[in-house]
Amino acid sequence: MNVINSEDSILLIIDVQEKLVNMLKDKEVSESAAKIAKAAGILNIPSIITEQYPKGLGSTIDKIKLALPDANYIEKTHFSALKEEGFKKLLKTKKRNQIIILGIETHICVLQTAFDLLNNGYEVFVVANACGSRTEENKIAALKRLRHDGAQTVTLEMVLFEFLKSSKHPNFKEIQALIK
């Protein structure tokens, strides 16, 4: 098992879109997603945002879009982002091996994307409290399955502090403020 390394990470935000966020009972998901997005923006971590059929499900929520103005966007209809044309090529251009993944729905798009990432040799870190499903049962089952099959499950705070490594990091106070 490896610690997250900000120099080798990509943030992958899966389908944190208006209509999908509104159907979640757990509002922590979008708040945690926005905090990780802010941290990635502050630390210049490359970010990719997917949107599942945005004409029907709306666009990515504003808190994330504003935090990551330079993110790459991929519109998708497949549940796994890796099945979309150009996605694998985009990942390879980033030249990083660790993928921090979060989003909606855990048991569908997050799970299938994570499995495809693992099968393509990436280290996958799934941010449990920044992932959501319509039911808690589906989310729990997906996280168990992901852990069992090689993904590491982490939390918002684990990601933030592994990015920083030390309280001497120049952005420590700014990142710490995201969770206070």
N, C-alpha and C. Protein backbone atom coordinates (compact mmCIF):
# COMPACT_ATOMS: atom_id res chain seq x y z
N MET A 1 0.84 -1.19 0.00
CA MET A 1 0.00 0.00 0.00
C MET A 1 0.88 1.25 0.00
N ASN A 2 0.45 2.21 -0.74
CA ASN A 2 1.20 3.45 -0.85
C ASN A 2 0.42 4.62 -0.29
N VAL A 3 1.19 5.61 0.13
CA VAL A 3 0.62 6.88 0.56
C VAL A 3 0.38 7.71 -0.69
N ILE A 4 -0.66 8.52 -0.66
CA ILE A 4 -0.95 9.40 -1.79
C ILE A 4 0.17 10.41 -1.93
N ASN A 5 0.62 10.61 -3.16
CA ASN A 5 1.69 11.54 -3.47
C ASN A 5 1.14 12.60 -4.42
N SER A 6 1.10 13.83 -4.00
CA SER A 6 0.52 14.90 -4.83
C SER A 6 1.25 15.06 -6.16
N GLU A 7 2.52 14.68 -6.21
CA GLU A 7 3.30 14.81 -7.44
C GLU A 7 2.94 13.73 -8.47
N ASP A 8 2.27 12.67 -8.00
CA ASP A 8 1.94 11.53 -8.87
C ASP A 8 0.43 11.31 -8.97
N SER A 9 -0.37 12.30 -8.53
CA SER A 9 -1.83 12.12 -8.45
C SER A 9 -2.59 12.91 -9.50
N ILE A 10 -3.73 12.35 -9.85
CA ILE A 10 -4.75 13.02 -10.66
C ILE A 10 -6.05 12.93 -9.86
N LEU A 11 -6.79 14.01 -9.80
CA LEU A 11 -8.11 13.98 -9.18
C LEU A 11 -9.13 13.70 -10.28
N LEU A 12 -9.93 12.66 -10.07
CA LEU A 12 -10.98 12.30 -11.02
C LEU A 12 -12.33 12.42 -10.34
N ILE A 13 -13.11 13.38 -10.78
CA ILE A 13 -14.44 13.64 -10.22
C ILE A 13 -15.47 13.09 -11.18
N ILE A 14 -16.22 12.12 -10.70
CA ILE A 14 -17.19 11.41 -11.53
C ILE A 14 -18.60 11.94 -11.28
N ASP A 15 -19.16 12.62 -12.24
CA ASP A 15 -20.60 12.92 -12.31
C ASP A 15 -21.20 13.60 -11.07
N VAL A 16 -20.50 14.57 -10.52
CA VAL A 16 -21.07 15.33 -9.40
C VAL A 16 -21.89 16.47 -10.03
N GLN A 17 -23.03 16.07 -10.56
CA GLN A 17 -23.89 16.94 -11.34
C GLN A 17 -25.15 17.31 -10.58
N GLU A 18 -25.75 18.42 -10.99
CA GLU A 18 -26.89 19.01 -10.28
C GLU A 18 -27.97 18.00 -9.90
N LYS A 19 -28.52 17.29 -10.87
CA LYS A 19 -29.63 16.38 -10.59
C LYS A 19 -29.20 15.19 -9.75
N LEU A 20 -27.98 14.71 -9.96
CA LEU A 20 -27.49 13.58 -9.17
C LEU A 20 -27.24 13.98 -7.73
N VAL A 21 -26.67 15.16 -7.51
CA VAL A 21 -26.43 15.65 -6.15
C VAL A 21 -27.76 15.83 -5.42
N ASN A 22 -28.77 16.36 -6.11
CA ASN A 22 -30.07 16.61 -5.48
C ASN A 22 -30.78 15.34 -5.06
N MET A 23 -30.48 14.21 -5.67
CA MET A 23 -31.16 12.98 -5.29
C MET A 23 -30.49 12.27 -4.11
N LEU A 24 -29.31 12.74 -3.71
CA LEU A 24 -28.62 12.13 -2.57
C LEU A 24 -29.20 12.61 -1.24
N LYS A 25 -29.32 11.70 -0.30
CA LYS A 25 -29.72 12.07 1.06
C LYS A 25 -28.53 12.65 1.82
N ASP A 26 -27.34 12.16 1.51
CA ASP A 26 -26.11 12.55 2.20
C ASP A 26 -25.51 13.78 1.53
N LYS A 27 -25.67 14.93 2.17
CA LYS A 27 -25.15 16.19 1.62
C LYS A 27 -23.64 16.35 1.84
N GLU A 28 -23.05 15.49 2.67
CA GLU A 28 -21.61 15.54 2.89
C GLU A 28 -20.85 15.23 1.60
N VAL A 29 -21.45 14.44 0.72
CA VAL A 29 -20.78 14.03 -0.51
C VAL A 29 -20.35 15.25 -1.33
N SER A 30 -21.29 16.13 -1.62
CA SER A 30 -20.94 17.29 -2.46
C SER A 30 -20.02 18.26 -1.72
N GLU A 31 -20.19 18.39 -0.41
CA GLU A 31 -19.29 19.27 0.38
C GLU A 31 -17.86 18.73 0.38
N SER A 32 -17.72 17.43 0.60
CA SER A 32 -16.38 16.82 0.58
C SER A 32 -15.76 16.89 -0.80
N ALA A 33 -16.56 16.65 -1.83
CA ALA A 33 -16.06 16.75 -3.21
C ALA A 33 -15.55 18.16 -3.50
N ALA A 34 -16.30 19.16 -3.06
CA ALA A 34 -15.89 20.55 -3.29
C ALA A 34 -14.61 20.89 -2.53
N LYS A 35 -14.43 20.35 -1.34
CA LYS A 35 -13.22 20.62 -0.57
C LYS A 35 -11.99 19.99 -1.22
N ILE A 36 -12.14 18.77 -1.71
CA ILE A 36 -11.02 18.13 -2.40
C ILE A 36 -10.71 18.89 -3.68
N ALA A 37 -11.74 19.34 -4.38
CA ALA A 37 -11.54 20.13 -5.60
C ALA A 37 -10.76 21.41 -5.28
N LYS A 38 -11.13 22.09 -4.19
CA LYS A 38 -10.41 23.31 -3.80
C LYS A 38 -8.94 23.00 -3.50
N ALA A 39 -8.71 21.92 -2.77
CA ALA A 39 -7.34 21.53 -2.44
C ALA A 39 -6.55 21.23 -3.71
N ALA A 40 -7.15 20.50 -4.64
CA ALA A 40 -6.46 20.17 -5.89
C ALA A 40 -6.13 21.44 -6.66
N GLY A 41 -7.04 22.41 -6.64
CA GLY A 41 -6.77 23.69 -7.29
C GLY A 41 -5.62 24.43 -6.65
N ILE A 42 -5.60 24.47 -5.33
CA ILE A 42 -4.54 25.15 -4.59
C ILE A 42 -3.18 24.50 -4.86
N LEU A 43 -3.17 23.17 -4.92
CA LEU A 43 -1.92 22.42 -5.05
C LEU A 43 -1.56 22.09 -6.50
N ASN A 44 -2.34 22.61 -7.44
CA ASN A 44 -2.08 22.38 -8.87
C ASN A 44 -2.04 20.89 -9.25
N ILE A 45 -2.96 20.13 -8.67
CA ILE A 45 -3.07 18.71 -9.01
C ILE A 45 -3.98 18.60 -10.24
N PRO A 46 -3.52 17.95 -11.30
CA PRO A 46 -4.35 17.82 -12.49
C PRO A 46 -5.69 17.17 -12.16
N SER A 47 -6.75 17.68 -12.77
CA SER A 47 -8.09 17.19 -12.47
C SER A 47 -8.87 16.92 -13.74
N ILE A 48 -9.63 15.84 -13.68
CA ILE A 48 -10.53 15.47 -14.76
C ILE A 48 -11.92 15.34 -14.17
N ILE A 49 -12.89 15.94 -14.82
CA ILE A 49 -14.28 15.92 -14.37
C ILE A 49 -15.12 15.27 -15.46
N THR A 50 -15.89 14.24 -15.07
CA THR A 50 -16.79 13.63 -16.05
C THR A 50 -18.22 14.09 -15.77
N GLU A 51 -18.99 14.10 -16.84
CA GLU A 51 -20.42 14.43 -16.75
C GLU A 51 -21.20 13.40 -17.55
N GLN A 52 -22.02 12.65 -16.84
CA GLN A 52 -22.87 11.65 -17.48
C GLN A 52 -24.09 12.34 -18.08
N TYR A 53 -24.21 12.25 -19.37
CA TYR A 53 -25.35 12.79 -20.10
C TYR A 53 -25.82 14.14 -19.52
N PRO A 54 -25.01 15.19 -19.63
CA PRO A 54 -25.34 16.47 -19.00
C PRO A 54 -26.63 17.12 -19.50
N LYS A 55 -27.06 16.80 -20.70
CA LYS A 55 -28.34 17.36 -21.18
C LYS A 55 -29.49 16.95 -20.28
N GLY A 56 -29.42 15.75 -19.73
CA GLY A 56 -30.48 15.26 -18.87
C GLY A 56 -30.21 15.43 -17.38
N LEU A 57 -28.93 15.37 -16.99
CA LEU A 57 -28.58 15.36 -15.56
C LEU A 57 -27.97 16.67 -15.08
N GLY A 58 -27.83 17.63 -15.97
CA GLY A 58 -27.25 18.91 -15.59
C GLY A 58 -25.74 18.87 -15.60
N SER A 59 -25.15 20.00 -15.31
CA SER A 59 -23.69 20.09 -15.33
C SER A 59 -23.14 19.87 -13.92
N THR A 60 -21.83 19.83 -13.86
CA THR A 60 -21.12 19.71 -12.57
C THR A 60 -21.51 20.89 -11.69
N ILE A 61 -21.63 20.64 -10.38
CA ILE A 61 -22.05 21.70 -9.46
C ILE A 61 -21.02 22.84 -9.45
N ASP A 62 -21.53 24.04 -9.23
CA ASP A 62 -20.71 25.25 -9.31
C ASP A 62 -19.51 25.24 -8.37
N LYS A 63 -19.66 24.72 -7.15
CA LYS A 63 -18.55 24.72 -6.20
C LYS A 63 -17.32 24.01 -6.76
N ILE A 64 -17.56 22.98 -7.54
CA ILE A 64 -16.44 22.24 -8.12
C ILE A 64 -15.91 22.97 -9.35
N LYS A 65 -16.80 23.43 -10.20
CA LYS A 65 -16.36 24.15 -11.41
C LYS A 65 -15.52 25.37 -11.05
N LEU A 66 -15.94 26.12 -10.03
CA LEU A 66 -15.20 27.32 -9.63
C LEU A 66 -13.84 26.98 -9.02
N ALA A 67 -13.77 25.85 -8.31
CA ALA A 67 -12.51 25.45 -7.68
C ALA A 67 -11.49 24.93 -8.68
N LEU A 68 -11.97 24.42 -9.82
CA LEU A 68 -11.08 23.79 -10.80
C LEU A 68 -11.30 24.36 -12.20
N PRO A 69 -10.99 25.64 -12.39
CA PRO A 69 -11.25 26.24 -13.71
C PRO A 69 -10.43 25.62 -14.84
N ASP A 70 -9.32 24.96 -14.53
CA ASP A 70 -8.46 24.38 -15.56
C ASP A 70 -8.65 22.87 -15.74
N ALA A 71 -9.67 22.31 -15.11
CA ALA A 71 -9.91 20.87 -15.22
C ALA A 71 -10.27 20.49 -16.65
N ASN A 72 -9.95 19.26 -16.99
CA ASN A 72 -10.40 18.68 -18.25
C ASN A 72 -11.77 18.06 -18.03
N TYR A 73 -12.71 18.31 -18.94
CA TYR A 73 -14.06 17.76 -18.85
C TYR A 73 -14.24 16.68 -19.90
N ILE A 74 -14.89 15.60 -19.50
CA ILE A 74 -15.23 14.52 -20.42
C ILE A 74 -16.73 14.26 -20.27
N GLU A 75 -17.46 14.44 -21.35
CA GLU A 75 -18.87 14.07 -21.36
C GLU A 75 -18.93 12.57 -21.65
N LYS A 76 -19.84 11.87 -20.96
CA LYS A 76 -19.87 10.43 -21.14
C LYS A 76 -21.28 9.86 -21.15
N THR A 77 -21.39 8.70 -21.77
CA THR A 77 -22.62 7.92 -21.72
C THR A 77 -22.33 6.52 -21.18
N HIS A 78 -21.06 6.09 -21.26
CA HIS A 78 -20.67 4.82 -20.64
C HIS A 78 -20.59 5.03 -19.13
N PHE A 79 -20.79 3.97 -18.39
CA PHE A 79 -20.67 4.09 -16.94
C PHE A 79 -19.21 4.22 -16.52
N SER A 80 -18.31 3.51 -17.19
CA SER A 80 -16.88 3.68 -16.94
C SER A 80 -16.33 4.79 -17.83
N ALA A 81 -15.67 5.74 -17.22
CA ALA A 81 -15.08 6.84 -17.98
C ALA A 81 -14.03 6.34 -18.97
N LEU A 82 -13.37 5.24 -18.65
CA LEU A 82 -12.33 4.73 -19.53
C LEU A 82 -12.87 4.20 -20.86
N LYS A 83 -14.16 3.99 -20.94
CA LYS A 83 -14.77 3.52 -22.18
C LYS A 83 -15.05 4.68 -23.15
N GLU A 84 -14.91 5.92 -22.67
CA GLU A 84 -15.15 7.08 -23.53
C GLU A 84 -13.92 7.37 -24.38
N GLU A 85 -14.18 7.74 -25.60
CA GLU A 85 -13.09 8.06 -26.53
C GLU A 85 -12.24 9.20 -25.98
N GLY A 86 -10.96 8.99 -26.02
CA GLY A 86 -10.02 10.02 -25.60
C GLY A 86 -9.67 10.02 -24.12
N PHE A 87 -10.41 9.28 -23.30
CA PHE A 87 -10.15 9.33 -21.86
C PHE A 87 -8.79 8.72 -21.51
N LYS A 88 -8.51 7.53 -22.02
CA LYS A 88 -7.22 6.88 -21.72
C LYS A 88 -6.05 7.73 -22.20
N LYS A 89 -6.21 8.31 -23.38
CA LYS A 89 -5.16 9.15 -23.93
C LYS A 89 -4.93 10.37 -23.03
N LEU A 90 -6.02 10.98 -22.55
CA LEU A 90 -5.91 12.11 -21.63
C LEU A 90 -5.16 11.71 -20.36
N LEU A 91 -5.50 10.56 -19.79
CA LEU A 91 -4.80 10.09 -18.60
C LEU A 91 -3.30 9.94 -18.86
N LYS A 92 -2.96 9.36 -19.98
CA LYS A 92 -1.54 9.14 -20.29
C LYS A 92 -0.77 10.44 -20.44
N THR A 93 -1.44 11.49 -20.95
CA THR A 93 -0.75 12.78 -21.10
C THR A 93 -0.39 13.39 -19.75
N LYS A 94 -1.10 13.01 -18.71
CA LYS A 94 -0.83 13.54 -17.36
C LYS A 94 0.41 12.92 -16.74
N LYS A 95 0.79 11.73 -17.19
CA LYS A 95 1.99 11.04 -16.72
C LYS A 95 2.03 10.89 -15.20
N ARG A 96 0.91 10.46 -14.66
CA ARG A 96 0.80 10.21 -13.21
C ARG A 96 0.13 8.86 -13.02
N ASN A 97 0.43 8.21 -11.90
CA ASN A 97 -0.03 6.84 -11.69
C ASN A 97 -1.11 6.69 -10.61
N GLN A 98 -1.28 7.67 -9.76
CA GLN A 98 -2.26 7.58 -8.69
C GLN A 98 -3.51 8.36 -9.08
N ILE A 99 -4.67 7.71 -8.97
CA ILE A 99 -5.93 8.36 -9.30
C ILE A 99 -6.76 8.46 -8.02
N ILE A 100 -7.08 9.68 -7.64
CA ILE A 100 -7.97 9.94 -6.52
C ILE A 100 -9.35 10.10 -7.14
N ILE A 101 -10.25 9.18 -6.83
CA ILE A 101 -11.55 9.15 -7.49
C ILE A 101 -12.67 9.37 -6.48
N LEU A 102 -13.66 10.15 -6.90
CA LEU A 102 -14.83 10.41 -6.07
C LEU A 102 -16.01 10.67 -6.99
N GLY A 103 -17.22 10.60 -6.45
CA GLY A 103 -18.36 10.96 -7.27
C GLY A 103 -19.62 10.18 -7.03
N ILE A 104 -20.47 10.21 -8.03
CA ILE A 104 -21.83 9.67 -7.97
C ILE A 104 -22.04 8.79 -9.21
N GLU A 105 -22.63 7.71 -9.18
CA GLU A 105 -23.00 6.88 -8.07
C GLU A 105 -21.90 5.87 -7.80
N THR A 106 -21.63 5.64 -6.53
CA THR A 106 -20.52 4.79 -6.10
C THR A 106 -20.60 3.41 -6.73
N HIS A 107 -21.77 2.83 -6.73
CA HIS A 107 -21.92 1.44 -7.17
C HIS A 107 -22.05 1.28 -8.68
N ILE A 108 -22.05 2.38 -9.41
CA ILE A 108 -22.18 2.30 -10.87
C ILE A 108 -20.95 2.93 -11.52
N CYS A 109 -20.97 4.22 -11.71
CA CYS A 109 -19.91 4.90 -12.47
C CYS A 109 -18.57 4.93 -11.73
N VAL A 110 -18.58 5.20 -10.43
CA VAL A 110 -17.32 5.20 -9.67
C VAL A 110 -16.72 3.80 -9.69
N LEU A 111 -17.52 2.79 -9.39
CA LEU A 111 -17.04 1.42 -9.33
C LEU A 111 -16.49 0.95 -10.68
N GLN A 112 -17.25 1.13 -11.75
CA GLN A 112 -16.80 0.63 -13.05
C GLN A 112 -15.56 1.38 -13.54
N THR A 113 -15.49 2.67 -13.28
CA THR A 113 -14.30 3.43 -13.65
C THR A 113 -13.09 2.98 -12.83
N ALA A 114 -13.29 2.79 -11.53
CA ALA A 114 -12.19 2.35 -10.66
C ALA A 114 -11.66 0.99 -11.10
N PHE A 115 -12.54 0.05 -11.42
CA PHE A 115 -12.10 -1.26 -11.88
C PHE A 115 -11.29 -1.15 -13.17
N ASP A 116 -11.76 -0.34 -14.11
CA ASP A 116 -11.02 -0.18 -15.35
C ASP A 116 -9.66 0.49 -15.10
N LEU A 117 -9.60 1.43 -14.18
CA LEU A 117 -8.31 2.05 -13.83
C LEU A 117 -7.36 1.02 -13.23
N LEU A 118 -7.86 0.21 -12.31
CA LEU A 118 -7.04 -0.85 -11.71
C LEU A 118 -6.54 -1.81 -12.79
N ASN A 119 -7.42 -2.19 -13.69
CA ASN A 119 -7.04 -3.12 -14.76
C ASN A 119 -6.05 -2.51 -15.74
N ASN A 120 -5.91 -1.19 -15.74
CA ASN A 120 -4.94 -0.51 -16.59
C ASN A 120 -3.68 -0.12 -15.83
N GLY A 121 -3.52 -0.65 -14.61
CA GLY A 121 -2.28 -0.48 -13.87
C GLY A 121 -2.17 0.75 -12.99
N TYR A 122 -3.26 1.48 -12.79
CA TYR A 122 -3.22 2.66 -11.93
C TYR A 122 -3.45 2.28 -10.47
N GLU A 123 -2.88 3.08 -9.57
CA GLU A 123 -3.22 2.98 -8.15
C GLU A 123 -4.48 3.80 -7.96
N VAL A 124 -5.49 3.22 -7.32
CA VAL A 124 -6.78 3.88 -7.20
C VAL A 124 -7.11 4.11 -5.73
N PHE A 125 -7.45 5.36 -5.41
CA PHE A 125 -7.85 5.76 -4.07
C PHE A 125 -9.27 6.32 -4.18
N VAL A 126 -10.23 5.62 -3.58
CA VAL A 126 -11.63 6.04 -3.65
C VAL A 126 -11.97 6.80 -2.36
N VAL A 127 -12.42 8.04 -2.50
CA VAL A 127 -12.71 8.89 -1.35
C VAL A 127 -14.13 8.58 -0.86
N ALA A 128 -14.22 7.78 0.19
CA ALA A 128 -15.51 7.24 0.64
C ALA A 128 -16.53 8.33 0.99
N ASN A 129 -16.10 9.36 1.70
CA ASN A 129 -17.07 10.39 2.11
C ASN A 129 -17.29 11.46 1.05
N ALA A 130 -16.72 11.25 -0.14
CA ALA A 130 -17.01 12.12 -1.28
C ALA A 130 -17.63 11.31 -2.42
N CYS A 131 -18.17 10.14 -2.06
CA CYS A 131 -18.87 9.27 -3.01
C CYS A 131 -20.30 9.08 -2.50
N GLY A 132 -21.23 8.98 -3.42
CA GLY A 132 -22.62 8.81 -3.02
C GLY A 132 -23.39 7.91 -3.95
N SER A 133 -24.40 7.29 -3.39
CA SER A 133 -25.37 6.48 -4.12
C SER A 133 -26.75 6.82 -3.57
N ARG A 134 -27.77 6.47 -4.34
CA ARG A 134 -29.12 6.75 -3.87
C ARG A 134 -29.44 6.03 -2.57
N THR A 135 -28.85 4.85 -2.37
CA THR A 135 -29.05 4.15 -1.10
C THR A 135 -27.70 3.89 -0.44
N GLU A 136 -27.69 3.90 0.87
CA GLU A 136 -26.47 3.62 1.63
C GLU A 136 -26.01 2.19 1.39
N GLU A 137 -26.96 1.28 1.23
CA GLU A 137 -26.64 -0.13 0.98
C GLU A 137 -25.79 -0.29 -0.29
N ASN A 138 -26.17 0.41 -1.36
CA ASN A 138 -25.40 0.34 -2.60
C ASN A 138 -24.00 0.92 -2.42
N LYS A 139 -23.90 2.03 -1.71
CA LYS A 139 -22.59 2.65 -1.48
C LYS A 139 -21.68 1.73 -0.67
N ILE A 140 -22.20 1.17 0.40
CA ILE A 140 -21.41 0.28 1.25
C ILE A 140 -20.95 -0.95 0.48
N ALA A 141 -21.85 -1.55 -0.29
CA ALA A 141 -21.49 -2.74 -1.07
C ALA A 141 -20.40 -2.41 -2.09
N ALA A 142 -20.51 -1.26 -2.73
CA ALA A 142 -19.52 -0.86 -3.72
C ALA A 142 -18.16 -0.63 -3.07
N LEU A 143 -18.12 0.07 -1.94
CA LEU A 143 -16.85 0.33 -1.26
C LEU A 143 -16.19 -0.97 -0.81
N LYS A 144 -16.98 -1.91 -0.31
CA LYS A 144 -16.43 -3.22 0.10
C LYS A 144 -15.84 -3.95 -1.11
N ARG A 145 -16.57 -3.94 -2.20
CA ARG A 145 -16.11 -4.62 -3.41
C ARG A 145 -14.83 -3.95 -3.95
N LEU A 146 -14.80 -2.64 -3.97
CA LEU A 146 -13.62 -1.92 -4.43
C LEU A 146 -12.40 -2.24 -3.58
N ARG A 147 -12.58 -2.24 -2.25
CA ARG A 147 -11.47 -2.57 -1.34
C ARG A 147 -10.98 -3.98 -1.61
N HIS A 148 -11.91 -4.90 -1.73
CA HIS A 148 -11.58 -6.31 -1.94
C HIS A 148 -10.78 -6.51 -3.23
N ASP A 149 -11.06 -5.71 -4.24
CA ASP A 149 -10.45 -5.91 -5.55
C ASP A 149 -9.28 -4.97 -5.85
N GLY A 150 -8.75 -4.30 -4.82
CA GLY A 150 -7.49 -3.59 -5.00
C GLY A 150 -7.51 -2.08 -4.89
N ALA A 151 -8.68 -1.47 -4.81
CA ALA A 151 -8.71 -0.01 -4.61
C ALA A 151 -8.52 0.28 -3.12
N GLN A 152 -7.92 1.41 -2.83
CA GLN A 152 -7.79 1.83 -1.44
C GLN A 152 -8.92 2.82 -1.15
N THR A 153 -9.60 2.63 -0.03
CA THR A 153 -10.63 3.59 0.35
C THR A 153 -10.02 4.55 1.35
N VAL A 154 -10.29 5.82 1.12
CA VAL A 154 -9.73 6.89 1.94
C VAL A 154 -10.84 7.89 2.25
N THR A 155 -10.51 8.88 3.07
CA THR A 155 -11.46 9.94 3.40
C THR A 155 -10.88 11.28 2.95
N LEU A 156 -11.73 12.28 2.96
CA LEU A 156 -11.32 13.64 2.63
C LEU A 156 -10.05 14.04 3.38
N GLU A 157 -10.06 13.88 4.69
CA GLU A 157 -8.91 14.32 5.49
C GLU A 157 -7.66 13.51 5.19
N MET A 158 -7.81 12.23 4.94
CA MET A 158 -6.65 11.42 4.57
C MET A 158 -6.01 11.96 3.30
N VAL A 159 -6.83 12.26 2.31
CA VAL A 159 -6.32 12.78 1.05
C VAL A 159 -5.60 14.11 1.27
N LEU A 160 -6.25 15.03 1.95
CA LEU A 160 -5.66 16.36 2.15
C LEU A 160 -4.31 16.30 2.85
N PHE A 161 -4.23 15.53 3.91
CA PHE A 161 -2.99 15.50 4.68
C PHE A 161 -1.91 14.63 4.03
N GLU A 162 -2.31 13.67 3.21
CA GLU A 162 -1.30 12.93 2.45
C GLU A 162 -0.76 13.80 1.31
N PHE A 163 -1.59 14.66 0.74
CA PHE A 163 -1.10 15.63 -0.24
C PHE A 163 -0.03 16.51 0.40
N LEU A 164 -0.26 16.96 1.62
CA LEU A 164 0.63 17.91 2.28
C LEU A 164 1.91 17.30 2.84
N LYS A 165 1.81 16.12 3.40
CA LYS A 165 2.92 15.40 4.03
C LYS A 165 3.40 16.00 5.35
N SER A 166 3.29 17.32 5.53
CA SER A 166 3.87 17.97 6.70
C SER A 166 3.16 19.29 6.99
N SER A 167 3.17 19.66 8.26
CA SER A 167 2.61 20.97 8.63
C SER A 167 3.51 22.11 8.15
N LYS A 168 4.68 21.78 7.64
CA LYS A 168 5.59 22.78 7.09
C LYS A 168 5.33 23.06 5.60
N HIS A 169 4.38 22.33 5.02
CA HIS A 169 4.04 22.56 3.61
C HIS A 169 3.58 24.00 3.44
N PRO A 170 3.99 24.70 2.39
CA PRO A 170 3.63 26.11 2.23
C PRO A 170 2.12 26.38 2.16
N ASN A 171 1.33 25.38 1.80
CA ASN A 171 -0.12 25.56 1.72
C ASN A 171 -0.87 24.93 2.89
N PHE A 172 -0.14 24.57 3.95
CA PHE A 172 -0.77 23.86 5.07
C PHE A 172 -1.97 24.61 5.64
N LYS A 173 -1.80 25.86 6.00
CA LYS A 173 -2.90 26.61 6.64
C LYS A 173 -4.11 26.74 5.71
N GLU A 174 -3.86 26.96 4.44
CA GLU A 174 -4.94 27.11 3.46
C GLU A 174 -5.72 25.78 3.28
N ILE A 175 -5.01 24.68 3.26
CA ILE A 175 -5.67 23.37 3.12
C ILE A 175 -6.36 22.99 4.43
N GLN A 176 -5.70 23.23 5.55
CA GLN A 176 -6.30 22.92 6.85
C GLN A 176 -7.59 23.68 7.05
N ALA A 177 -7.67 24.90 6.55
CA ALA A 177 -8.87 25.73 6.70
C ALA A 177 -10.08 25.10 6.00
N LEU A 178 -9.86 24.25 5.04
CA LEU A 178 -10.97 23.59 4.33
C LEU A 178 -11.77 22.65 5.22
N ILE A 179 -11.13 22.17 6.30
CA ILE A 179 -11.84 21.22 7.16
C ILE A 179 -12.19 21.77 8.53
N LYS A 180 -11.89 23.02 8.76
CA LYS A 180 -12.24 23.61 10.07
C LYS A 180 -13.63 24.17 10.05
